[in-house]
Amino acid sequence: MFIDEVNFNIELVRNGLAKVVLYEKRAKIKYQNELLSAEKEVREKRLDIWSQ
């Protein structure tokens, strides 16, 4: 979902408000690499849901 040309899902992940869940039997999702990269960064910074 895009809001003002910004991928809302990536922003949720980037801000530590959501996590990426991938299912083995499904095809690769369109923004998978961007989502995983955002999650890796936020985990390293230990923000919000990753702060524990």
Protein backbone atom coordinates (compact mmCIF):
# COMPACT_ATOMS: atom_id res chain seq x y z
CA MET A 1 0.00 0.00 0.00
CA PHE A 2 1.32 3.42 -0.93
CA ILE A 3 0.48 6.73 0.71
CA ASP A 4 1.84 9.81 -1.05
CA GLU A 5 4.16 7.54 -3.06
CA VAL A 6 5.63 6.00 0.12
CA ASN A 7 5.35 2.25 0.71
CA PHE A 8 3.42 2.16 3.98
CA ASN A 9 4.36 -1.45 4.76
CA ILE A 10 8.08 -0.72 4.47
CA GLU A 11 7.66 2.33 6.70
CA LEU A 12 5.92 0.24 9.37
CA VAL A 13 8.80 -2.24 9.34
CA ARG A 14 11.44 0.52 9.21
CA ASN A 15 9.95 2.12 12.33
CA GLY A 16 9.81 -1.12 14.27
CA LEU A 17 6.02 -1.30 14.22
CA ALA A 18 5.74 -4.49 12.16
CA LYS A 19 7.79 -7.53 11.28
CA VAL A 20 8.21 -9.40 8.03
CA VAL A 21 6.64 -12.85 7.78
CA LEU A 22 7.36 -14.96 4.71
CA TYR A 23 5.72 -18.27 3.91
CA GLU A 24 7.86 -20.96 2.30
CA LYS A 25 5.35 -22.12 -0.29
CA ARG A 26 4.49 -18.69 -1.61
CA ALA A 27 6.26 -16.91 -4.43
CA LYS A 28 8.65 -14.09 -3.64
CA ILE A 29 6.71 -10.92 -2.83
CA LYS A 30 7.30 -7.75 -4.80
CA TYR A 31 9.10 -5.71 -2.11
CA GLN A 32 10.61 -8.63 -0.21
CA ASN A 33 14.21 -7.42 -0.38
CA GLU A 34 13.29 -3.92 0.77
CA LEU A 35 11.18 -5.26 3.63
CA LEU A 36 13.90 -7.64 4.82
CA SER A 37 16.53 -4.91 4.60
CA ALA A 38 14.37 -2.51 6.62
CA GLU A 39 13.75 -5.20 9.24
CA LYS A 40 17.46 -5.99 9.51
CA GLU A 41 18.29 -2.32 10.10
CA VAL A 42 15.62 -1.82 12.75
CA ARG A 43 16.60 -5.04 14.56
CA GLU A 44 20.20 -3.85 14.71
CA LYS A 45 19.04 -0.51 16.15
CA ARG A 46 16.72 -2.39 18.55
CA LEU A 47 13.77 -0.09 17.96
CA ASP A 48 10.21 -0.58 19.24
CA ILE A 49 9.17 -4.23 18.93
CA TRP A 50 12.85 -5.20 18.67
CA SER A 51 13.91 -3.24 21.76
CA GLN A 52 13.70 -6.22 24.12
